[in-house]
Amino acid sequence: MKPPRTPTLEDRIKDIRGEIDAIIASRVEAIAKQSPGVPAGVIRNLVIARAPGCSCAQYLELCRNDQSGMLQP
């Protein structure tokens, strides 16, 4: 029997990015409900525009500016 495979750093990064993408999508969905008619893509661009670059930087910036507590796991 093979021992369980230890996730690589790449695997862990992919998992974290997936979690971040889901959190951002949830945030976009909540904002879209308050902004009928505004395309989700536009809202997403506005949400992540404050921290261009990688998903991790975007998440950390959103957490710094989050007043609602929505981004807390």
N, C-alpha and C. Protein backbone atom coordinates (compact mmCIF):
# COMPACT_ATOMS: atom_id res chain seq x y z
N MET A 1 0.84 -1.18 0.00
CA MET A 1 0.00 0.00 0.00
C MET A 1 0.89 1.24 0.00
N LYS A 2 0.55 2.19 -0.86
CA LYS A 2 1.33 3.41 -0.96
C LYS A 2 0.97 4.35 0.20
N PRO A 3 1.97 5.06 0.71
CA PRO A 3 1.66 6.07 1.74
C PRO A 3 0.89 7.22 1.08
N PRO A 4 0.07 7.93 1.87
CA PRO A 4 -0.67 9.05 1.30
C PRO A 4 0.28 10.09 0.69
N ARG A 5 -0.14 10.64 -0.42
CA ARG A 5 0.67 11.62 -1.13
C ARG A 5 0.62 12.96 -0.38
N THR A 6 1.78 13.51 -0.12
CA THR A 6 1.86 14.83 0.51
C THR A 6 1.66 15.88 -0.56
N PRO A 7 0.73 16.81 -0.36
CA PRO A 7 0.51 17.84 -1.37
C PRO A 7 1.77 18.67 -1.59
N THR A 8 2.03 18.96 -2.84
CA THR A 8 3.17 19.81 -3.17
C THR A 8 2.79 21.26 -2.93
N LEU A 9 3.79 22.12 -2.96
CA LEU A 9 3.52 23.55 -2.83
C LEU A 9 2.59 24.01 -3.95
N GLU A 10 2.81 23.48 -5.14
CA GLU A 10 1.95 23.84 -6.27
C GLU A 10 0.50 23.43 -6.00
N ASP A 11 0.29 22.25 -5.45
CA ASP A 11 -1.06 21.79 -5.11
C ASP A 11 -1.71 22.72 -4.10
N ARG A 12 -0.96 23.08 -3.08
CA ARG A 12 -1.49 23.96 -2.03
C ARG A 12 -1.83 25.33 -2.59
N ILE A 13 -0.99 25.86 -3.47
CA ILE A 13 -1.25 27.17 -4.08
C ILE A 13 -2.53 27.10 -4.91
N LYS A 14 -2.69 26.03 -5.69
CA LYS A 14 -3.91 25.88 -6.49
C LYS A 14 -5.14 25.82 -5.61
N ASP A 15 -5.04 25.11 -4.50
CA ASP A 15 -6.17 25.02 -3.57
C ASP A 15 -6.51 26.38 -2.98
N ILE A 16 -5.50 27.10 -2.55
CA ILE A 16 -5.72 28.43 -1.96
C ILE A 16 -6.32 29.38 -2.99
N ARG A 17 -5.78 29.36 -4.20
CA ARG A 17 -6.32 30.23 -5.26
C ARG A 17 -7.77 29.89 -5.55
N GLY A 18 -8.12 28.62 -5.51
CA GLY A 18 -9.51 28.21 -5.71
C GLY A 18 -10.41 28.76 -4.62
N GLU A 19 -9.94 28.70 -3.37
CA GLU A 19 -10.70 29.26 -2.26
C GLU A 19 -10.88 30.76 -2.41
N ILE A 20 -9.81 31.45 -2.79
CA ILE A 20 -9.86 32.90 -2.97
C ILE A 20 -10.83 33.25 -4.09
N ASP A 21 -10.77 32.54 -5.20
CA ASP A 21 -11.68 32.81 -6.31
C ASP A 21 -13.13 32.63 -5.88
N ALA A 22 -13.40 31.62 -5.05
CA ALA A 22 -14.76 31.40 -4.56
C ALA A 22 -15.20 32.54 -3.64
N ILE A 23 -14.31 33.02 -2.80
CA ILE A 23 -14.63 34.13 -1.89
C ILE A 23 -14.92 35.40 -2.68
N ILE A 24 -14.09 35.66 -3.68
CA ILE A 24 -14.29 36.86 -4.51
C ILE A 24 -15.61 36.73 -5.29
N ALA A 25 -15.90 35.54 -5.82
CA ALA A 25 -17.15 35.32 -6.55
C ALA A 25 -18.35 35.56 -5.64
N SER A 26 -18.25 35.12 -4.40
CA SER A 26 -19.33 35.32 -3.43
C SER A 26 -19.53 36.81 -3.16
N ARG A 27 -18.42 37.52 -3.02
CA ARG A 27 -18.48 38.97 -2.79
C ARG A 27 -19.12 39.67 -3.98
N VAL A 28 -18.72 39.28 -5.19
CA VAL A 28 -19.28 39.86 -6.41
C VAL A 28 -20.79 39.59 -6.47
N GLU A 29 -21.19 38.37 -6.14
CA GLU A 29 -22.61 38.02 -6.16
C GLU A 29 -23.40 38.89 -5.19
N ALA A 30 -22.87 39.10 -4.00
CA ALA A 30 -23.56 39.92 -3.00
C ALA A 30 -23.70 41.36 -3.49
N ILE A 31 -22.66 41.90 -4.09
CA ILE A 31 -22.71 43.27 -4.60
C ILE A 31 -23.67 43.35 -5.78
N ALA A 32 -23.68 42.33 -6.64
CA ALA A 32 -24.56 42.32 -7.80
C ALA A 32 -26.03 42.36 -7.39
N LYS A 33 -26.36 41.73 -6.28
CA LYS A 33 -27.74 41.75 -5.79
C LYS A 33 -28.17 43.17 -5.42
N GLN A 34 -27.21 43.98 -4.99
CA GLN A 34 -27.49 45.36 -4.61
C GLN A 34 -27.37 46.31 -5.80
N SER A 35 -26.90 45.80 -6.92
CA SER A 35 -26.65 46.64 -8.10
C SER A 35 -27.25 45.98 -9.35
N PRO A 36 -28.59 45.90 -9.42
CA PRO A 36 -29.19 45.23 -10.56
C PRO A 36 -28.80 45.92 -11.87
N GLY A 37 -28.55 45.11 -12.87
CA GLY A 37 -28.21 45.64 -14.18
C GLY A 37 -26.73 45.80 -14.43
N VAL A 38 -25.92 45.75 -13.37
CA VAL A 38 -24.48 45.88 -13.55
C VAL A 38 -23.92 44.48 -13.76
N PRO A 39 -23.24 44.25 -14.88
CA PRO A 39 -22.70 42.92 -15.15
C PRO A 39 -21.70 42.47 -14.07
N ALA A 40 -21.76 41.18 -13.76
CA ALA A 40 -20.87 40.62 -12.74
C ALA A 40 -19.40 40.84 -13.09
N GLY A 41 -19.06 40.79 -14.37
CA GLY A 41 -17.67 41.01 -14.78
C GLY A 41 -17.18 42.40 -14.44
N VAL A 42 -18.06 43.38 -14.58
CA VAL A 42 -17.71 44.75 -14.23
C VAL A 42 -17.50 44.87 -12.73
N ILE A 43 -18.40 44.26 -11.97
CA ILE A 43 -18.28 44.31 -10.50
C ILE A 43 -16.98 43.62 -10.07
N ARG A 44 -16.70 42.47 -10.66
CA ARG A 44 -15.46 41.74 -10.30
C ARG A 44 -14.24 42.61 -10.58
N ASN A 45 -14.22 43.27 -11.73
CA ASN A 45 -13.09 44.13 -12.06
C ASN A 45 -12.95 45.26 -11.05
N LEU A 46 -14.06 45.82 -10.61
CA LEU A 46 -14.01 46.89 -9.62
C LEU A 46 -13.54 46.36 -8.26
N VAL A 47 -13.98 45.16 -7.90
CA VAL A 47 -13.61 44.58 -6.60
C VAL A 47 -12.10 44.29 -6.55
N ILE A 48 -11.56 43.73 -7.62
CA ILE A 48 -10.15 43.32 -7.58
C ILE A 48 -9.20 44.39 -8.11
N ALA A 49 -9.73 45.49 -8.64
CA ALA A 49 -8.88 46.52 -9.24
C ALA A 49 -7.96 47.19 -8.21
N ARG A 50 -8.36 47.16 -6.95
CA ARG A 50 -7.54 47.83 -5.93
C ARG A 50 -6.23 47.10 -5.69
N ALA A 51 -6.18 45.85 -6.07
CA ALA A 51 -4.96 45.06 -5.85
C ALA A 51 -4.68 44.23 -7.10
N PRO A 52 -4.21 44.89 -8.14
CA PRO A 52 -3.91 44.11 -9.34
C PRO A 52 -2.79 43.11 -9.05
N GLY A 53 -2.80 42.06 -9.79
CA GLY A 53 -1.77 41.05 -9.60
C GLY A 53 -2.39 39.73 -9.23
N CYS A 54 -1.74 39.02 -8.35
CA CYS A 54 -2.17 37.66 -8.03
C CYS A 54 -3.41 37.66 -7.13
N SER A 55 -4.08 36.53 -7.11
CA SER A 55 -5.28 36.36 -6.30
C SER A 55 -5.01 36.59 -4.82
N CYS A 56 -3.84 36.17 -4.36
CA CYS A 56 -3.51 36.32 -2.94
C CYS A 56 -3.45 37.79 -2.56
N ALA A 57 -2.82 38.61 -3.39
CA ALA A 57 -2.74 40.04 -3.11
C ALA A 57 -4.12 40.67 -3.14
N GLN A 58 -4.96 40.23 -4.06
CA GLN A 58 -6.32 40.75 -4.14
C GLN A 58 -7.10 40.40 -2.88
N TYR A 59 -6.98 39.17 -2.43
CA TYR A 59 -7.68 38.75 -1.22
C TYR A 59 -7.22 39.56 0.00
N LEU A 60 -5.92 39.70 0.14
CA LEU A 60 -5.40 40.45 1.30
C LEU A 60 -5.87 41.90 1.27
N GLU A 61 -5.92 42.51 0.11
CA GLU A 61 -6.41 43.88 -0.01
C GLU A 61 -7.90 43.95 0.33
N LEU A 62 -8.66 42.99 -0.14
CA LEU A 62 -10.08 42.96 0.19
C LEU A 62 -10.29 42.81 1.69
N CYS A 63 -9.50 41.96 2.32
CA CYS A 63 -9.61 41.78 3.77
C CYS A 63 -9.31 43.07 4.52
N ARG A 64 -8.30 43.80 4.07
CA ARG A 64 -7.95 45.07 4.72
C ARG A 64 -9.09 46.07 4.64
N ASN A 65 -9.84 46.03 3.54
CA ASN A 65 -10.92 47.01 3.33
C ASN A 65 -12.29 46.49 3.67
N ASP A 66 -12.41 45.26 4.13
CA ASP A 66 -13.71 44.65 4.39
C ASP A 66 -14.31 45.15 5.70
N GLN A 67 -15.43 45.79 5.60
CA GLN A 67 -16.13 46.27 6.79
C GLN A 67 -17.28 45.34 7.18
N SER A 68 -17.68 44.46 6.24
CA SER A 68 -18.85 43.64 6.46
C SER A 68 -18.56 42.33 7.17
N GLY A 69 -17.29 41.92 7.16
CA GLY A 69 -16.94 40.61 7.72
C GLY A 69 -17.21 39.47 6.77
N MET A 70 -17.60 39.79 5.54
CA MET A 70 -17.95 38.75 4.55
C MET A 70 -16.76 37.90 4.16
N LEU A 71 -15.56 38.43 4.25
CA LEU A 71 -14.41 37.70 3.75
C LEU A 71 -13.78 36.79 4.78
N GLN A 72 -14.29 36.82 5.98
CA GLN A 72 -13.72 35.95 7.01
C GLN A 72 -14.21 34.54 6.79
N PRO A 73 -13.31 33.56 6.85
CA PRO A 73 -13.72 32.17 6.64
C PRO A 73 -14.68 31.68 7.70
